[in-house]
Amino acid sequence: MTNPSPTPEQAAAAETPGSAPAPAEGPITPTATVPAATTSGPDAATPATGSASDDGRVPAPRTTGESRRPTLRSDLRASWPDGLVALLITAAVFVLLYARIRDKTSSTVTVMPFMADAGGFWMYFLSQAFGWSALLWAWGTVVLGLMLSGPRPARLPMSAPRLERLHRTTSLNTMALIAAHALLFAAELVRHDTASWNSAVATAFVEAFVPGGYDSGTGRIAIPVGQAALYLAIPLGLLFYVRHRIGPRTWRVLHRCVIVVYVLSVWHTLLYGTNVWYDGWFRTSVWLLQLPIAALLLLRLLLPARRSEKLSARPGASAGERTRWALRLGGRLAVVAVVVALAAVVATGRDGGRSVPPEDTSSTHNHD
């Protein structure tokens, strides 16, 4: 007598231990698909127990004590080691900035001579330090996300679940660092405002947090760019923890927009960072750090983890399929162009920096 075929649940339960789990989702940053059971990647969704994944497989039942999904509370508890490292890095950057201002070796003194008083503007330099560490943590979060969502290297420095949790915790700390950067900038405005306390706070709030409120020098463009990065980073990052409510497809579409947050952060830095105001190795280094991200993004587009995202040799027959095919091809070509442009910037040193000090530097950031 022929034995009956096993049910999908029985077949899943009988899979070899250690076999690849079904795709899952991840938190912040411009990432994409992450083939892991409970973690990051914008192009995957954690299926409910017993439901089929995109490729038709049925995930194995959860083991006893296994968390149903990562929560904000658990990730906040796990983020303190990474956050402590971020604070130590911020402190080191602050000491370096302070020492360079005091010794008058920083380009900030050239741009804004009145800031040669390091003690008088220490809060502004602390805000700068948080801004630099925020950019560094955003860079690391993006790299982790792209590594997890694209073709993975044969050897990883730690297990995939630990990398995915690190991806989530670095994204949470990135949001905290960006917020600290903005709050300290506003506090510095209050310190140097001679108006009444209520008026100073209101003016600082408008200048630091309302687009168009800061109307001095390059801040008219750079400040709104930074504000856009802040206002996009927080909701896009936290959406990971409610993705089961908004739906995996909606979450994946929104999660892909996180790359915009990183681009805005870099743009804000290059526009407003007085440390990278002029041409030189430091400004070029900021451009150089973007090469790994562009290369990983290109690799993720060329070799996506989800079969539905692969670029076919020919477009489909319908108008919608042809449009999607053209958009995917255009995206890949755009990233190739970015990689080539970044390589040219690094090779030539023509990085968009200023070659001579502006004639009038007294108005920019002057809060007297």
Protein backbone atom coordinates (compact mmCIF):
# COMPACT_ATOMS: atom_id res chain seq x y z
CA MET A 1 0.00 0.00 0.00
CA THR A 2 1.35 3.42 -0.92
CA ASN A 3 2.10 5.69 2.02
CA PRO A 4 0.30 9.08 1.90
CA SER A 5 2.38 12.11 1.01
CA PRO A 6 3.47 14.17 4.02
CA THR A 7 1.67 17.43 4.65
CA PRO A 8 3.58 20.69 4.13
CA GLU A 9 3.78 21.15 7.90
CA GLN A 10 5.28 17.67 8.35
CA ALA A 11 7.73 18.25 5.55
CA ALA A 12 8.83 21.56 7.04
CA ALA A 13 9.25 20.02 10.48
CA ALA A 14 11.38 17.25 9.00
CA GLU A 15 13.82 19.61 7.29
CA THR A 16 17.45 19.18 8.18
CA PRO A 17 18.43 21.36 11.19
CA GLY A 18 20.45 24.37 10.11
CA SER A 19 18.82 24.61 6.70
CA ALA A 20 18.25 28.12 5.34
CA PRO A 21 15.22 29.82 6.91
CA ALA A 22 12.59 31.71 5.05
CA PRO A 23 13.26 35.34 4.16
CA ALA A 24 12.57 37.97 6.79
CA GLU A 25 12.49 41.65 7.38
CA GLY A 26 14.78 44.23 8.90
CA PRO A 27 14.83 47.73 10.39
CA ILE A 28 16.26 50.97 9.15
CA THR A 29 18.71 51.93 6.44
CA PRO A 30 18.79 51.70 2.71
CA THR A 31 18.85 47.97 2.58
CA ALA A 32 16.93 45.35 0.80
CA THR A 33 16.18 41.68 1.23
CA VAL A 34 17.63 39.78 4.12
CA PRO A 35 17.39 36.00 4.10
CA ALA A 36 17.04 35.52 7.82
CA ALA A 37 14.29 34.26 10.03
CA THR A 38 13.70 37.17 12.36
CA THR A 39 15.62 40.13 11.17
CA SER A 40 16.59 42.75 8.74
CA GLY A 41 16.23 43.46 5.07
CA PRO A 42 13.74 45.58 3.29
CA ASP A 43 12.71 43.11 0.70
CA ALA A 44 11.59 40.23 2.79
CA ALA A 45 8.71 39.57 5.08
CA THR A 46 8.52 37.36 8.13
CA PRO A 47 5.71 34.98 7.34
CA ALA A 48 3.38 33.88 10.06
CA THR A 49 3.76 30.36 11.34
CA GLY A 50 2.36 27.93 8.83
CA SER A 51 2.18 30.43 5.96
CA ALA A 52 4.09 30.00 2.74
CA SER A 53 6.96 32.26 1.77
CA ASP A 54 7.38 33.86 -1.65
CA ASP A 55 9.10 30.81 -3.12
CA GLY A 56 6.39 28.44 -1.91
CA ARG A 57 8.28 26.99 1.04
CA VAL A 58 6.53 26.58 4.37
CA PRO A 59 8.63 27.73 7.34
CA ALA A 60 9.37 25.29 10.12
CA PRO A 61 7.33 25.69 13.33
CA ARG A 62 8.84 28.00 15.91
CA THR A 63 10.72 26.34 18.71
CA THR A 64 9.64 26.80 22.30
CA GLY A 65 10.72 30.15 23.68
CA GLU A 66 11.56 31.61 20.25
CA SER A 67 10.53 35.26 19.97
CA ARG A 68 7.66 35.80 17.57
CA ARG A 69 9.31 38.91 16.11
CA PRO A 70 11.92 41.45 17.17
CA THR A 71 10.38 44.24 19.26
CA LEU A 72 11.45 47.81 19.83
CA ARG A 73 11.85 47.14 23.53
CA SER A 74 14.16 44.17 23.01
CA ASP A 75 16.25 46.04 20.45
CA LEU A 76 16.52 49.08 22.72
CA ARG A 77 17.82 46.83 25.48
CA ALA A 78 20.32 45.29 23.07
CA SER A 79 21.47 48.65 21.70
CA TRP A 80 23.34 49.93 24.75
CA PRO A 81 26.78 48.41 23.90
CA ASP A 82 26.63 49.93 20.44
CA GLY A 83 25.35 53.19 21.91
CA LEU A 84 28.20 53.30 24.42
CA VAL A 85 30.73 52.90 21.61
CA ALA A 86 28.97 55.70 19.71
CA LEU A 87 29.25 58.02 22.72
CA LEU A 88 32.95 57.21 23.12
CA ILE A 89 33.55 57.94 19.43
CA THR A 90 31.58 61.18 19.77
CA ALA A 91 33.70 62.21 22.76
CA ALA A 92 36.89 61.49 20.83
CA VAL A 93 35.68 63.53 17.85
CA PHE A 94 34.74 66.41 20.18
CA VAL A 95 38.20 66.44 21.76
CA LEU A 96 39.79 66.47 18.31
CA LEU A 97 37.56 69.30 17.06
CA TYR A 98 38.10 71.32 20.23
CA ALA A 99 41.87 70.91 20.07
CA ARG A 100 42.01 71.91 16.41
CA ILE A 101 39.91 75.02 17.09
CA ARG A 102 42.04 75.97 20.07
CA ASP A 103 45.22 75.55 18.01
CA LYS A 104 43.61 77.38 15.07
CA THR A 105 44.39 74.51 12.68
CA SER A 106 40.74 73.82 11.77
CA SER A 107 39.17 75.22 8.63
CA THR A 108 36.25 76.22 10.86
CA VAL A 109 38.35 79.13 12.12
CA THR A 110 38.94 80.22 8.52
CA VAL A 111 35.24 80.01 7.69
CA MET A 112 34.07 81.59 10.96
CA PRO A 113 36.89 83.53 12.67
CA PHE A 114 34.69 84.46 15.64
CA MET A 115 34.61 80.77 16.63
CA ALA A 116 38.31 80.77 17.48
CA ASP A 117 37.08 80.96 21.08
CA ALA A 118 36.79 77.21 21.60
CA GLY A 119 35.41 77.56 25.12
CA GLY A 120 32.72 79.98 24.07
CA PHE A 121 31.35 77.71 21.34
CA TRP A 122 31.97 74.30 22.91
CA MET A 123 28.32 73.28 22.49
CA TYR A 124 28.45 73.94 18.76
CA PHE A 125 31.54 71.74 18.47
CA LEU A 126 29.79 69.04 20.52
CA SER A 127 26.88 69.26 18.07
CA GLN A 128 29.38 68.80 15.24
CA ALA A 129 30.85 65.77 16.99
CA PHE A 130 27.41 64.15 17.26
CA GLY A 131 26.82 64.95 13.60
CA TRP A 132 30.01 63.20 12.53
CA SER A 133 29.31 60.12 14.65
CA ALA A 134 25.73 60.06 13.33
CA LEU A 135 27.06 60.02 9.77
CA LEU A 136 29.53 57.27 10.67
CA TRP A 137 26.81 55.15 12.31
CA ALA A 138 24.49 55.72 9.36
CA TRP A 139 27.27 54.55 7.06
CA GLY A 140 27.77 51.38 9.10
CA THR A 141 24.04 50.70 9.24
CA VAL A 142 23.70 51.02 5.48
CA VAL A 143 26.69 48.75 4.85
CA LEU A 144 25.27 46.12 7.21
CA GLY A 145 21.87 46.30 5.57
CA LEU A 146 23.25 45.93 2.06
CA MET A 147 25.49 43.04 3.11
CA LEU A 148 22.51 41.24 4.63
CA SER A 149 20.13 41.95 1.80
CA GLY A 150 22.39 41.05 -1.11
CA PRO A 151 24.73 38.16 -1.89
CA ARG A 152 26.43 37.32 1.38
CA PRO A 153 30.18 36.69 1.58
CA ALA A 154 31.31 33.15 2.28
CA ARG A 155 32.50 34.16 5.73
CA LEU A 156 30.89 36.70 8.03
CA PRO A 157 32.51 38.19 11.15
CA MET A 158 29.57 36.89 13.21
CA SER A 159 26.44 34.85 12.71
CA ALA A 160 23.72 36.26 10.46
CA PRO A 161 21.18 36.70 13.31
CA ARG A 162 23.72 38.69 15.33
CA LEU A 163 24.57 40.84 12.31
CA GLU A 164 20.88 41.47 11.74
CA ARG A 165 20.35 42.55 15.33
CA LEU A 166 23.42 44.78 15.08
CA HIS A 167 21.87 46.29 11.96
CA ARG A 168 18.76 47.15 13.94
CA THR A 169 20.59 48.53 16.99
CA THR A 170 22.93 50.69 14.92
CA SER A 171 19.90 52.13 13.15
CA LEU A 172 18.31 53.03 16.50
CA ASN A 173 21.52 54.66 17.68
CA THR A 174 21.82 56.54 14.38
CA MET A 175 18.43 58.11 15.03
CA ALA A 176 19.50 59.06 18.55
CA LEU A 177 22.75 60.61 17.33
CA ILE A 178 20.96 62.65 14.65
CA ALA A 179 18.47 63.91 17.24
CA ALA A 180 21.28 64.85 19.65
CA HIS A 181 23.06 66.69 16.84
CA ALA A 182 19.95 68.77 16.11
CA LEU A 183 19.08 69.43 19.78
CA LEU A 184 22.60 70.62 20.61
CA PHE A 185 22.56 72.91 17.59
CA ALA A 186 19.31 74.43 18.86
CA ALA A 187 20.74 74.73 22.38
CA GLU A 188 23.75 76.58 20.98
CA LEU A 189 21.41 79.05 19.28
CA VAL A 190 19.65 79.65 22.60
CA ARG A 191 22.96 80.25 24.42
CA HIS A 192 23.97 83.04 22.06
CA ASP A 193 20.58 84.72 21.79
CA THR A 194 20.38 87.89 23.91
CA ALA A 195 16.58 87.99 23.82
CA SER A 196 14.37 86.72 26.65
CA TRP A 197 14.45 83.01 27.41
CA ASN A 198 11.06 82.28 25.87
CA SER A 199 11.87 84.24 22.74
CA ALA A 200 15.30 82.59 22.42
CA VAL A 201 13.82 79.10 22.68
CA ALA A 202 11.12 79.87 20.14
CA THR A 203 13.62 81.36 17.69
CA ALA A 204 16.02 78.43 18.11
CA PHE A 205 13.20 75.95 17.55
CA VAL A 206 12.20 77.64 14.31
CA GLU A 207 15.78 77.89 13.04
CA ALA A 208 16.74 74.33 13.99
CA PHE A 209 13.56 72.39 13.29
CA VAL A 210 11.32 74.35 10.89
CA PRO A 211 12.29 74.12 7.20
CA GLY A 212 13.15 77.58 5.94
CA GLY A 213 13.48 79.01 9.45
CA TYR A 214 17.27 79.34 9.21
CA ASP A 215 18.03 81.98 6.61
CA SER A 216 21.74 82.69 7.01
CA GLY A 217 24.45 81.70 4.51
CA THR A 218 24.61 78.12 3.30
CA GLY A 219 22.23 77.15 6.09
CA ARG A 220 19.32 78.22 3.90
CA ILE A 221 19.87 75.00 1.93
CA ALA A 222 21.92 72.80 4.24
CA ILE A 223 19.68 73.08 7.31
CA PRO A 224 16.46 72.00 5.50
CA VAL A 225 18.40 69.10 3.95
CA GLY A 226 19.46 67.97 7.42
CA GLN A 227 15.93 68.44 8.75
CA ALA A 228 14.57 66.26 5.96
CA ALA A 229 17.06 63.53 6.92
CA LEU A 230 15.94 63.73 10.56
CA TYR A 231 12.22 63.73 9.81
CA LEU A 232 12.52 60.79 7.41
CA ALA A 233 14.96 58.69 9.46
CA ILE A 234 12.83 58.33 12.58
CA PRO A 235 9.52 57.14 11.07
CA LEU A 236 11.17 55.01 8.39
CA GLY A 237 13.37 53.33 11.00
CA LEU A 238 10.58 52.66 13.48
CA LEU A 239 8.21 51.30 10.82
CA PHE A 240 10.09 48.01 11.04
CA TYR A 241 8.45 47.34 14.40
CA VAL A 242 4.91 47.73 13.00
CA ARG A 243 5.50 46.09 9.62
CA HIS A 244 3.08 43.30 10.54
CA ARG A 245 0.36 45.95 10.80
CA ILE A 246 1.06 47.89 7.59
CA GLY A 247 1.89 44.79 5.55
CA PRO A 248 5.24 43.50 4.30
CA ARG A 249 4.86 44.90 0.79
CA THR A 250 4.11 48.42 2.03
CA TRP A 251 6.97 48.20 4.50
CA ARG A 252 9.43 47.05 1.84
CA VAL A 253 8.51 49.97 -0.43
CA LEU A 254 8.93 52.47 2.40
CA HIS A 255 12.12 50.84 3.65
CA ARG A 256 13.79 51.36 0.29
CA CYS A 257 13.36 55.10 0.81
CA VAL A 258 15.89 54.98 3.67
CA ILE A 259 18.68 55.32 1.11
CA VAL A 260 17.32 58.84 0.62
CA VAL A 261 17.96 59.57 4.31
CA TYR A 262 21.60 58.61 3.95
CA VAL A 263 22.06 60.65 0.77
CA LEU A 264 20.52 63.68 2.49
CA SER A 265 22.84 63.22 5.48
CA VAL A 266 25.94 63.16 3.29
CA TRP A 267 24.68 66.15 1.31
CA HIS A 268 24.03 68.09 4.53
CA THR A 269 27.56 67.31 5.73
CA LEU A 270 29.26 68.37 2.52
CA LEU A 271 27.21 71.59 2.36
CA TYR A 272 27.46 72.66 5.99
CA GLY A 273 30.38 70.86 7.59
CA THR A 274 33.03 73.53 8.06
CA ASN A 275 35.58 70.74 8.58
CA VAL A 276 35.06 69.74 4.95
CA TRP A 277 34.39 73.24 3.62
CA TYR A 278 37.47 73.40 1.40
CA ASP A 279 39.16 71.02 -1.01
CA GLY A 280 41.44 68.54 0.69
CA TRP A 281 41.97 64.98 1.80
CA PHE A 282 39.30 65.11 4.52
CA ARG A 283 36.53 66.11 2.12
CA THR A 284 37.75 63.60 -0.44
CA SER A 285 37.70 60.91 2.26
CA VAL A 286 33.98 61.54 2.80
CA TRP A 287 33.44 60.88 -0.90
CA LEU A 288 35.67 57.81 -0.72
CA LEU A 289 33.51 56.28 2.01
CA GLN A 290 30.56 56.31 -0.37
CA LEU A 291 32.23 53.92 -2.83
CA PRO A 292 31.60 50.74 -0.76
CA ILE A 293 27.94 51.70 -0.35
CA ALA A 294 27.47 52.35 -4.07
CA ALA A 295 29.25 49.08 -4.93
CA LEU A 296 27.15 47.05 -2.47
CA LEU A 297 23.98 48.68 -3.74
CA LEU A 298 24.93 47.82 -7.32
CA LEU A 299 25.67 44.22 -6.29
CA ARG A 300 22.35 44.00 -4.50
CA LEU A 301 20.52 45.23 -7.63
CA LEU A 302 22.40 42.90 -9.98
CA LEU A 303 22.01 39.86 -7.72
CA PRO A 304 18.81 40.41 -5.70
CA ALA A 305 17.81 37.85 -3.12
CA ARG A 306 14.20 37.89 -4.30
CA ARG A 307 13.64 36.21 -7.65
CA SER A 308 10.85 38.64 -8.46
CA GLU A 309 13.35 41.53 -8.47
CA LYS A 310 15.76 40.04 -10.97
CA LEU A 311 16.07 41.87 -14.26
CA SER A 312 14.94 39.63 -17.10
CA ALA A 313 16.72 39.68 -20.45
CA ARG A 314 13.66 41.13 -22.15
CA PRO A 315 10.70 43.20 -20.97
CA GLY A 316 7.30 41.59 -20.64
CA ALA A 317 4.46 41.89 -23.07
CA SER A 318 2.19 44.22 -21.09
CA ALA A 319 2.75 47.95 -20.67
CA GLY A 320 3.10 47.58 -16.90
CA GLU A 321 5.77 44.91 -17.22
CA ARG A 322 7.68 47.01 -19.72
CA THR A 323 7.53 50.00 -17.38
CA ARG A 324 8.81 47.99 -14.42
CA TRP A 325 11.57 46.51 -16.54
CA ALA A 326 12.62 49.99 -17.74
CA LEU A 327 12.65 51.34 -14.18
CA ARG A 328 14.77 48.45 -12.93
CA LEU A 329 17.21 48.84 -15.82
CA GLY A 330 17.36 52.59 -15.24
CA GLY A 331 18.06 52.10 -11.55
CA ARG A 332 20.96 49.78 -12.26
CA LEU A 333 22.42 52.15 -14.84
CA ALA A 334 22.06 55.08 -12.42
CA VAL A 335 24.00 53.24 -9.71
CA VAL A 336 26.71 52.34 -12.23
CA ALA A 337 26.98 56.04 -13.08
CA VAL A 338 27.26 56.90 -9.38
CA VAL A 339 30.08 54.37 -8.90
CA VAL A 340 31.96 55.82 -11.87
CA ALA A 341 31.41 59.40 -10.63
CA LEU A 342 32.61 58.57 -7.12
CA ALA A 343 35.72 56.89 -8.49
CA ALA A 344 36.43 59.96 -10.63
CA VAL A 345 36.01 62.31 -7.64
CA VAL A 346 38.39 60.26 -5.50
CA ALA A 347 40.95 59.88 -8.30
CA THR A 348 40.99 63.54 -9.34
CA GLY A 349 40.36 65.19 -5.97
CA ARG A 350 37.73 67.44 -7.57
CA ASP A 351 35.18 67.00 -4.83
CA GLY A 352 33.18 70.21 -5.01
CA GLY A 353 34.98 71.91 -2.14
CA ARG A 354 35.76 75.59 -2.04
CA SER A 355 39.22 76.63 -3.15
CA VAL A 356 39.33 80.03 -1.45
CA PRO A 357 37.66 81.41 1.70
CA PRO A 358 34.46 83.39 1.10
CA GLU A 359 34.85 87.15 1.24
CA ASP A 360 32.35 87.57 4.06
CA THR A 361 32.42 84.90 6.77
CA SER A 362 31.03 86.97 9.60
CA SER A 363 27.36 86.33 8.82
CA THR A 364 27.37 82.54 8.67
CA HIS A 365 26.47 81.01 12.06
CA ASN A 366 27.01 84.36 13.76
CA HIS A 367 24.65 84.38 16.73
CA ASP A 368 25.90 87.55 18.41
